[in-house]
Amino acid sequence: MADLDKAKDYINNIRLYMTMCVALIISVGSGITRMFEVDNFSYIFFIANVLLILLLLIFIFLAKKLHKKTDELKDIE
């Protein structure tokens, strides 16, 4: 039973990190959009684009981890 609870807790933690990642993606994306609309192409604009790509890659990594751990959870039960 302890392994099952540990796996469920791990899955919940991944979901929490994914939620924070989505919030950051939305906020950085809206900042990039605003800077693009006012033609403000400073170095911050390009750093934000790199950050957005990095956040998207982190989100994909977390989603893959979530699916893998969910499949492992079926084996534990």
PDB file of N, CA and C in Angstrom:
ATOM      1  N   MET A   1       0.827  -1.206   0.000  1.00  0.00           N
ATOM      2  CA  MET A   1       0.000   0.000   0.000  1.00  0.00           C
ATOM      3  C   MET A   1       0.864   1.261   0.000  1.00  0.00           C
ATOM      4  N   ALA A   2       2.022   1.197   0.595  1.00  0.00           N
ATOM      5  CA  ALA A   2       2.882   2.377   0.672  1.00  0.00           C
ATOM      6  C   ALA A   2       3.396   2.773  -0.711  1.00  0.00           C
ATOM      7  N   ASP A   3       3.689   1.775  -1.548  1.00  0.00           N
ATOM      8  CA  ASP A   3       4.154   2.080  -2.902  1.00  0.00           C
ATOM      9  C   ASP A   3       3.073   2.775  -3.714  1.00  0.00           C
ATOM     10  N   LEU A   4       1.823   2.352  -3.518  1.00  0.00           N
ATOM     11  CA  LEU A   4       0.705   2.959  -4.233  1.00  0.00           C
ATOM     12  C   LEU A   4       0.523   4.414  -3.820  1.00  0.00           C
ATOM     13  N   ASP A   5       0.590   4.685  -2.519  1.00  0.00           N
ATOM     14  CA  ASP A   5       0.454   6.058  -2.033  1.00  0.00           C
ATOM     15  C   ASP A   5       1.609   6.932  -2.505  1.00  0.00           C
ATOM     16  N   LYS A   6       2.790   6.366  -2.524  1.00  0.00           N
ATOM     17  CA  LYS A   6       3.964   7.101  -2.983  1.00  0.00           C
ATOM     18  C   LYS A   6       3.827   7.462  -4.468  1.00  0.00           C
ATOM     19  N   ALA A   7       3.344   6.535  -5.274  1.00  0.00           N
ATOM     20  CA  ALA A   7       3.152   6.783  -6.706  1.00  0.00           C
ATOM     21  C   ALA A   7       2.071   7.831  -6.941  1.00  0.00           C
ATOM     22  N   LYS A   8       0.985   7.753  -6.183  1.00  0.00           N
ATOM     23  CA  LYS A   8      -0.085   8.750  -6.325  1.00  0.00           C
ATOM     24  C   LYS A   8       0.406  10.140  -5.926  1.00  0.00           C
ATOM     25  N   ASP A   9       1.195  10.214  -4.874  1.00  0.00           N
ATOM     26  CA  ASP A   9       1.748  11.500  -4.454  1.00  0.00           C
ATOM     27  C   ASP A   9       2.681  12.070  -5.521  1.00  0.00           C
ATOM     28  N   TYR A  10       3.483  11.208  -6.124  1.00  0.00           N
ATOM     29  CA  TYR A  10       4.387  11.637  -7.196  1.00  0.00           C
ATOM     30  C   TYR A  10       3.599  12.183  -8.384  1.00  0.00           C
ATOM     31  N   ILE A  11       2.523  11.505  -8.740  1.00  0.00           N
ATOM     32  CA  ILE A  11       1.674  11.964  -9.844  1.00  0.00           C
ATOM     33  C   ILE A  11       1.043  13.314  -9.515  1.00  0.00           C
ATOM     34  N   ASN A  12       0.573  13.479  -8.294  1.00  0.00           N
ATOM     35  CA  ASN A  12      -0.017  14.767  -7.898  1.00  0.00           C
ATOM     36  C   ASN A  12       1.017  15.888  -7.939  1.00  0.00           C
ATOM     37  N   ASN A  13       2.253  15.592  -7.555  1.00  0.00           N
ATOM     38  CA  ASN A  13       3.306  16.597  -7.616  1.00  0.00           C
ATOM     39  C   ASN A  13       3.601  16.994  -9.050  1.00  0.00           C
ATOM     40  N   ILE A  14       3.630  16.030  -9.953  1.00  0.00           N
ATOM     41  CA  ILE A  14       3.862  16.345 -11.361  1.00  0.00           C
ATOM     42  C   ILE A  14       2.731  17.229 -11.895  1.00  0.00           C
ATOM     43  N   ARG A  15       1.504  16.916 -11.510  1.00  0.00           N
ATOM     44  CA  ARG A  15       0.367  17.750 -11.938  1.00  0.00           C
ATOM     45  C   ARG A  15       0.504  19.178 -11.418  1.00  0.00           C
ATOM     46  N   LEU A  16       0.968  19.323 -10.195  1.00  0.00           N
ATOM     47  CA  LEU A  16       1.180  20.655  -9.626  1.00  0.00           C
ATOM     48  C   LEU A  16       2.227  21.419 -10.427  1.00  0.00           C
ATOM     49  N   TYR A  17       3.337  20.754 -10.755  1.00  0.00           N
ATOM     50  CA  TYR A  17       4.383  21.402 -11.540  1.00  0.00           C
ATOM     51  C   TYR A  17       3.888  21.761 -12.942  1.00  0.00           C
ATOM     52  N   MET A  18       3.051  20.901 -13.513  1.00  0.00           N
ATOM     53  CA  MET A  18       2.497  21.194 -14.831  1.00  0.00           C
ATOM     54  C   MET A  18       1.578  22.409 -14.771  1.00  0.00           C
ATOM     55  N   THR A  19       0.819  22.533 -13.696  1.00  0.00           N
ATOM     56  CA  THR A  19      -0.071  23.689 -13.534  1.00  0.00           C
ATOM     57  C   THR A  19       0.732  24.979 -13.424  1.00  0.00           C
ATOM     58  N   MET A  20       1.811  24.935 -12.648  1.00  0.00           N
ATOM     59  CA  MET A  20       2.659  26.121 -12.534  1.00  0.00           C
ATOM     60  C   MET A  20       3.314  26.445 -13.867  1.00  0.00           C
ATOM     61  N   CYS A  21       3.697  25.431 -14.607  1.00  0.00           N
ATOM     62  CA  CYS A  21       4.318  25.623 -15.909  1.00  0.00           C
ATOM     63  C   CYS A  21       3.329  26.264 -16.889  1.00  0.00           C
ATOM     64  N   VAL A  22       2.074  25.811 -16.871  1.00  0.00           N
ATOM     65  CA  VAL A  22       1.053  26.399 -17.745  1.00  0.00           C
ATOM     66  C   VAL A  22       0.825  27.866 -17.382  1.00  0.00           C
ATOM     67  N   ALA A  23       0.778  28.170 -16.098  1.00  0.00           N
ATOM     68  CA  ALA A  23       0.587  29.561 -15.677  1.00  0.00           C
ATOM     69  C   ALA A  23       1.736  30.437 -16.168  1.00  0.00           C
ATOM     70  N   LEU A  24       2.960  29.931 -16.081  1.00  0.00           N
ATOM     71  CA  LEU A  24       4.114  30.689 -16.568  1.00  0.00           C
ATOM     72  C   LEU A  24       4.095  30.830 -18.089  1.00  0.00           C
ATOM     73  N   ILE A  25       3.677  29.782 -18.791  1.00  0.00           N
ATOM     74  CA  ILE A  25       3.586  29.849 -20.251  1.00  0.00           C
ATOM     75  C   ILE A  25       2.589  30.918 -20.667  1.00  0.00           C
ATOM     76  N   ILE A  26       1.447  30.962 -20.004  1.00  0.00           N
ATOM     77  CA  ILE A  26       0.425  31.961 -20.340  1.00  0.00           C
ATOM     78  C   ILE A  26       0.923  33.368 -20.046  1.00  0.00           C
ATOM     79  N   SER A  27       1.557  33.563 -18.897  1.00  0.00           N
ATOM     80  CA  SER A  27       2.003  34.912 -18.543  1.00  0.00           C
ATOM     81  C   SER A  27       3.147  35.385 -19.437  1.00  0.00           C
ATOM     82  N   VAL A  28       4.109  34.514 -19.715  1.00  0.00           N
ATOM     83  CA  VAL A  28       5.216  34.899 -20.591  1.00  0.00           C
ATOM     84  C   VAL A  28       4.702  35.114 -22.009  1.00  0.00           C
ATOM     85  N   GLY A  29       3.791  34.257 -22.453  1.00  0.00           N
ATOM     86  CA  GLY A  29       3.208  34.409 -23.790  1.00  0.00           C
ATOM     87  C   GLY A  29       2.449  35.704 -23.947  1.00  0.00           C
ATOM     88  N   SER A  30       1.711  36.102 -22.918  1.00  0.00           N
ATOM     89  CA  SER A  30       0.979  37.361 -23.009  1.00  0.00           C
ATOM     90  C   SER A  30       1.939  38.552 -22.991  1.00  0.00           C
ATOM     91  N   GLY A  31       3.032  38.437 -22.241  1.00  0.00           N
ATOM     92  CA  GLY A  31       4.043  39.502 -22.247  1.00  0.00           C
ATOM     93  C   GLY A  31       4.715  39.630 -23.602  1.00  0.00           C
ATOM     94  N   ILE A  32       5.015  38.496 -24.222  1.00  0.00           N
ATOM     95  CA  ILE A  32       5.621  38.522 -25.559  1.00  0.00           C
ATOM     96  C   ILE A  32       4.655  39.149 -26.561  1.00  0.00           C
ATOM     97  N   THR A  33       3.386  38.761 -26.478  1.00  0.00           N
ATOM     98  CA  THR A  33       2.381  39.311 -27.392  1.00  0.00           C
ATOM     99  C   THR A  33       2.257  40.818 -27.229  1.00  0.00           C
ATOM    100  N   ARG A  34       2.254  41.281 -26.002  1.00  0.00           N
ATOM    101  CA  ARG A  34       2.143  42.718 -25.741  1.00  0.00           C
ATOM    102  C   ARG A  34       3.359  43.467 -26.289  1.00  0.00           C
ATOM    103  N   MET A  35       4.536  42.912 -26.078  1.00  0.00           N
ATOM    104  CA  MET A  35       5.742  43.563 -26.594  1.00  0.00           C
ATOM    105  C   MET A  35       5.738  43.572 -28.125  1.00  0.00           C
ATOM    106  N   PHE A  36       5.216  42.525 -28.741  1.00  0.00           N
ATOM    107  CA  PHE A  36       5.146  42.457 -30.195  1.00  0.00           C
ATOM    108  C   PHE A  36       4.170  43.495 -30.742  1.00  0.00           C
ATOM    109  N   GLU A  37       3.042  43.686 -30.037  1.00  0.00           N
ATOM    110  CA  GLU A  37       2.031  44.634 -30.494  1.00  0.00           C
ATOM    111  C   GLU A  37       2.522  46.075 -30.456  1.00  0.00           C
ATOM    112  N   VAL A  38       3.365  46.405 -29.499  1.00  0.00           N
ATOM    113  CA  VAL A  38       3.848  47.783 -29.383  1.00  0.00           C
ATOM    114  C   VAL A  38       5.213  47.960 -30.035  1.00  0.00           C
ATOM    115  N   ASP A  39       5.640  46.954 -30.804  1.00  0.00           N
ATOM    116  CA  ASP A  39       6.920  46.992 -31.521  1.00  0.00           C
ATOM    117  C   ASP A  39       8.113  47.256 -30.600  1.00  0.00           C
ATOM    118  N   ASN A  40       8.119  46.576 -29.468  1.00  0.00           N
ATOM    119  CA  ASN A  40       9.217  46.688 -28.518  1.00  0.00           C
ATOM    120  C   ASN A  40      10.076  45.434 -28.624  1.00  0.00           C
ATOM    121  N   PHE A  41      11.031  45.449 -29.537  1.00  0.00           N
ATOM    122  CA  PHE A  41      11.868  44.284 -29.774  1.00  0.00           C
ATOM    123  C   PHE A  41      13.229  44.456 -29.109  1.00  0.00           C
ATOM    124  N   SER A  42      13.216  44.614 -27.815  1.00  0.00           N
ATOM    125  CA  SER A  42      14.468  44.734 -27.070  1.00  0.00           C
ATOM    126  C   SER A  42      15.000  43.336 -26.751  1.00  0.00           C
ATOM    127  N   TYR A  43      16.087  43.291 -26.021  1.00  0.00           N
ATOM    128  CA  TYR A  43      16.677  42.000 -25.663  1.00  0.00           C
ATOM    129  C   TYR A  43      15.740  41.197 -24.767  1.00  0.00           C
ATOM    130  N   ILE A  44      14.888  41.853 -24.016  1.00  0.00           N
ATOM    131  CA  ILE A  44      13.946  41.153 -23.144  1.00  0.00           C
ATOM    132  C   ILE A  44      12.954  40.344 -23.967  1.00  0.00           C
ATOM    133  N   PHE A  45      12.562  40.865 -25.116  1.00  0.00           N
ATOM    134  CA  PHE A  45      11.651  40.156 -26.007  1.00  0.00           C
ATOM    135  C   PHE A  45      12.258  38.822 -26.440  1.00  0.00           C
ATOM    136  N   PHE A  46      13.523  38.842 -26.813  1.00  0.00           N
ATOM    137  CA  PHE A  46      14.167  37.620 -27.286  1.00  0.00           C
ATOM    138  C   PHE A  46      14.458  36.649 -26.144  1.00  0.00           C
ATOM    139  N   ILE A  47      14.788  37.164 -24.988  1.00  0.00           N
ATOM    140  CA  ILE A  47      14.991  36.308 -23.814  1.00  0.00           C
ATOM    141  C   ILE A  47      13.669  35.650 -23.422  1.00  0.00           C
ATOM    142  N   ALA A  48      12.577  36.396 -23.519  1.00  0.00           N
ATOM    143  CA  ALA A  48      11.257  35.842 -23.197  1.00  0.00           C
ATOM    144  C   ALA A  48      10.873  34.743 -24.183  1.00  0.00           C
ATOM    145  N   ASN A  49      11.232  34.913 -25.454  1.00  0.00           N
ATOM    146  CA  ASN A  49      10.961  33.860 -26.435  1.00  0.00           C
ATOM    147  C   ASN A  49      11.725  32.582 -26.106  1.00  0.00           C
ATOM    148  N   VAL A  50      12.974  32.717 -25.717  1.00  0.00           N
ATOM    149  CA  VAL A  50      13.770  31.551 -25.327  1.00  0.00           C
ATOM    150  C   VAL A  50      13.172  30.910 -24.080  1.00  0.00           C
ATOM    151  N   LEU A  51      12.756  31.730 -23.128  1.00  0.00           N
ATOM    152  CA  LEU A  51      12.135  31.221 -21.912  1.00  0.00           C
ATOM    153  C   LEU A  51      10.838  30.482 -22.234  1.00  0.00           C
ATOM    154  N   LEU A  52      10.062  31.010 -23.159  1.00  0.00           N
ATOM    155  CA  LEU A  52       8.812  30.356 -23.539  1.00  0.00           C
ATOM    156  C   LEU A  52       9.079  28.982 -24.158  1.00  0.00           C
ATOM    157  N   ILE A  53      10.056  28.898 -25.019  1.00  0.00           N
ATOM    158  CA  ILE A  53      10.412  27.610 -25.629  1.00  0.00           C
ATOM    159  C   ILE A  53      10.884  26.638 -24.556  1.00  0.00           C
ATOM    160  N   LEU A  54      11.689  27.119 -23.618  1.00  0.00           N
ATOM    161  CA  LEU A  54      12.166  26.275 -22.522  1.00  0.00           C
ATOM    162  C   LEU A  54      10.999  25.772 -21.668  1.00  0.00           C
ATOM    163  N   LEU A  55      10.053  26.645 -21.366  1.00  0.00           N
ATOM    164  CA  LEU A  55       8.888  26.241 -20.575  1.00  0.00           C
ATOM    165  C   LEU A  55       8.046  25.207 -21.315  1.00  0.00           C
ATOM    166  N   LEU A  56       7.915  25.370 -22.622  1.00  0.00           N
ATOM    167  CA  LEU A  56       7.161  24.390 -23.406  1.00  0.00           C
ATOM    168  C   LEU A  56       7.854  23.024 -23.390  1.00  0.00           C
ATOM    169  N   LEU A  57       9.171  23.026 -23.481  1.00  0.00           N
ATOM    170  CA  LEU A  57       9.910  21.764 -23.416  1.00  0.00           C
ATOM    171  C   LEU A  57       9.785  21.111 -22.038  1.00  0.00           C
ATOM    172  N   ILE A  58       9.820  21.922 -20.992  1.00  0.00           N
ATOM    173  CA  ILE A  58       9.647  21.392 -19.629  1.00  0.00           C
ATOM    174  C   ILE A  58       8.253  20.799 -19.474  1.00  0.00           C
ATOM    175  N   PHE A  59       7.249  21.473 -20.040  1.00  0.00           N
ATOM    176  CA  PHE A  59       5.883  20.962 -19.957  1.00  0.00           C
ATOM    177  C   PHE A  59       5.767  19.607 -20.662  1.00  0.00           C
ATOM    178  N   ILE A  60       6.375  19.488 -21.837  1.00  0.00           N
ATOM    179  CA  ILE A  60       6.343  18.220 -22.573  1.00  0.00           C
ATOM    180  C   ILE A  60       7.037  17.118 -21.760  1.00  0.00           C
ATOM    181  N   PHE A  61       8.170  17.450 -21.167  1.00  0.00           N
ATOM    182  CA  PHE A  61       8.894  16.483 -20.334  1.00  0.00           C
ATOM    183  C   PHE A  61       8.032  16.026 -19.157  1.00  0.00           C
ATOM    184  N   LEU A  62       7.363  16.972 -18.496  1.00  0.00           N
ATOM    185  CA  LEU A  62       6.517  16.619 -17.356  1.00  0.00           C
ATOM    186  C   LEU A  62       5.326  15.768 -17.792  1.00  0.00           C
ATOM    187  N   ALA A  63       4.759  16.080 -18.953  1.00  0.00           N
ATOM    188  CA  ALA A  63       3.625  15.300 -19.450  1.00  0.00           C
ATOM    189  C   ALA A  63       4.049  13.860 -19.734  1.00  0.00           C
ATOM    190  N   LYS A  64       5.232  13.688 -20.314  1.00  0.00           N
ATOM    191  CA  LYS A  64       5.726  12.332 -20.574  1.00  0.00           C
ATOM    192  C   LYS A  64       5.970  11.582 -19.269  1.00  0.00           C
ATOM    193  N   LYS A  65       6.517  12.274 -18.280  1.00  0.00           N
ATOM    194  CA  LYS A  65       6.744  11.648 -16.969  1.00  0.00           C
ATOM    195  C   LYS A  65       5.416  11.239 -16.338  1.00  0.00           C
ATOM    196  N   LEU A  66       4.396  12.093 -16.492  1.00  0.00           N
ATOM    197  CA  LEU A  66       3.077  11.800 -15.920  1.00  0.00           C
ATOM    198  C   LEU A  66       2.482  10.554 -16.570  1.00  0.00           C
ATOM    199  N   HIS A  67       2.573  10.457 -17.874  1.00  0.00           N
ATOM    200  CA  HIS A  67       2.024   9.288 -18.557  1.00  0.00           C
ATOM    201  C   HIS A  67       2.785   8.018 -18.175  1.00  0.00           C
ATOM    202  N   LYS A  68       4.090   8.132 -18.058  1.00  0.00           N
ATOM    203  CA  LYS A  68       4.901   6.972 -17.682  1.00  0.00           C
ATOM    204  C   LYS A  68       4.553   6.502 -16.269  1.00  0.00           C
ATOM    205  N   LYS A  69       4.427   7.463 -15.365  1.00  0.00           N
ATOM    206  CA  LYS A  69       4.126   7.109 -13.972  1.00  0.00           C
ATOM    207  C   LYS A  69       2.698   6.577 -13.847  1.00  0.00           C
ATOM    208  N   THR A  70       1.783   7.079 -14.656  1.00  0.00           N
ATOM    209  CA  THR A  70       0.416   6.575 -14.630  1.00  0.00           C
ATOM    210  C   THR A  70       0.371   5.125 -15.104  1.00  0.00           C
ATOM    211  N   ASP A  71       1.152   4.812 -16.121  1.00  0.00           N
ATOM    212  CA  ASP A  71       1.230   3.424 -16.578  1.00  0.00           C
ATOM    213  C   ASP A  71       1.848   2.529 -15.514  1.00  0.00           C
ATOM    214  N   GLU A  72       2.842   3.017 -14.802  1.00  0.00           N
ATOM    215  CA  GLU A  72       3.442   2.252 -13.712  1.00  0.00           C
ATOM    216  C   GLU A  72       2.447   2.040 -12.571  1.00  0.00           C
ATOM    217  N   LEU A  73       1.553   2.999 -12.380  1.00  0.00           N
ATOM    218  CA  LEU A  73       0.560   2.901 -11.317  1.00  0.00           C
ATOM    219  C   LEU A  73      -0.390   1.725 -11.573  1.00  0.00           C
ATOM    220  N   LYS A  74      -0.669   1.465 -12.839  1.00  0.00           N
ATOM    221  CA  LYS A  74      -1.529   0.317 -13.169  1.00  0.00           C
ATOM    222  C   LYS A  74      -0.872  -0.995 -12.756  1.00  0.00           C
ATOM    223  N   ASP A  75       0.465  -1.059 -12.871  1.00  0.00           N
ATOM    224  CA  ASP A  75       1.188  -2.267 -12.487  1.00  0.00           C
ATOM    225  C   ASP A  75       1.254  -2.459 -10.974  1.00  0.00           C
ATOM    226  N   ILE A  76       1.242  -1.358 -10.238  1.00  0.00           N
ATOM    227  CA  ILE A  76       1.325  -1.437  -8.778  1.00  0.00           C
ATOM    228  C   ILE A  76       0.039  -1.990  -8.189  1.00  0.00           C
ATOM    229  N   GLU A  77      -1.084  -1.571  -8.748  1.00  0.00           N
ATOM    230  CA  GLU A  77      -2.372  -2.021  -8.212  1.00  0.00           C
ATOM    231  C   GLU A  77      -2.529  -3.455  -8.486  1.00  0.00           C
TER     232      GLU A  77
END
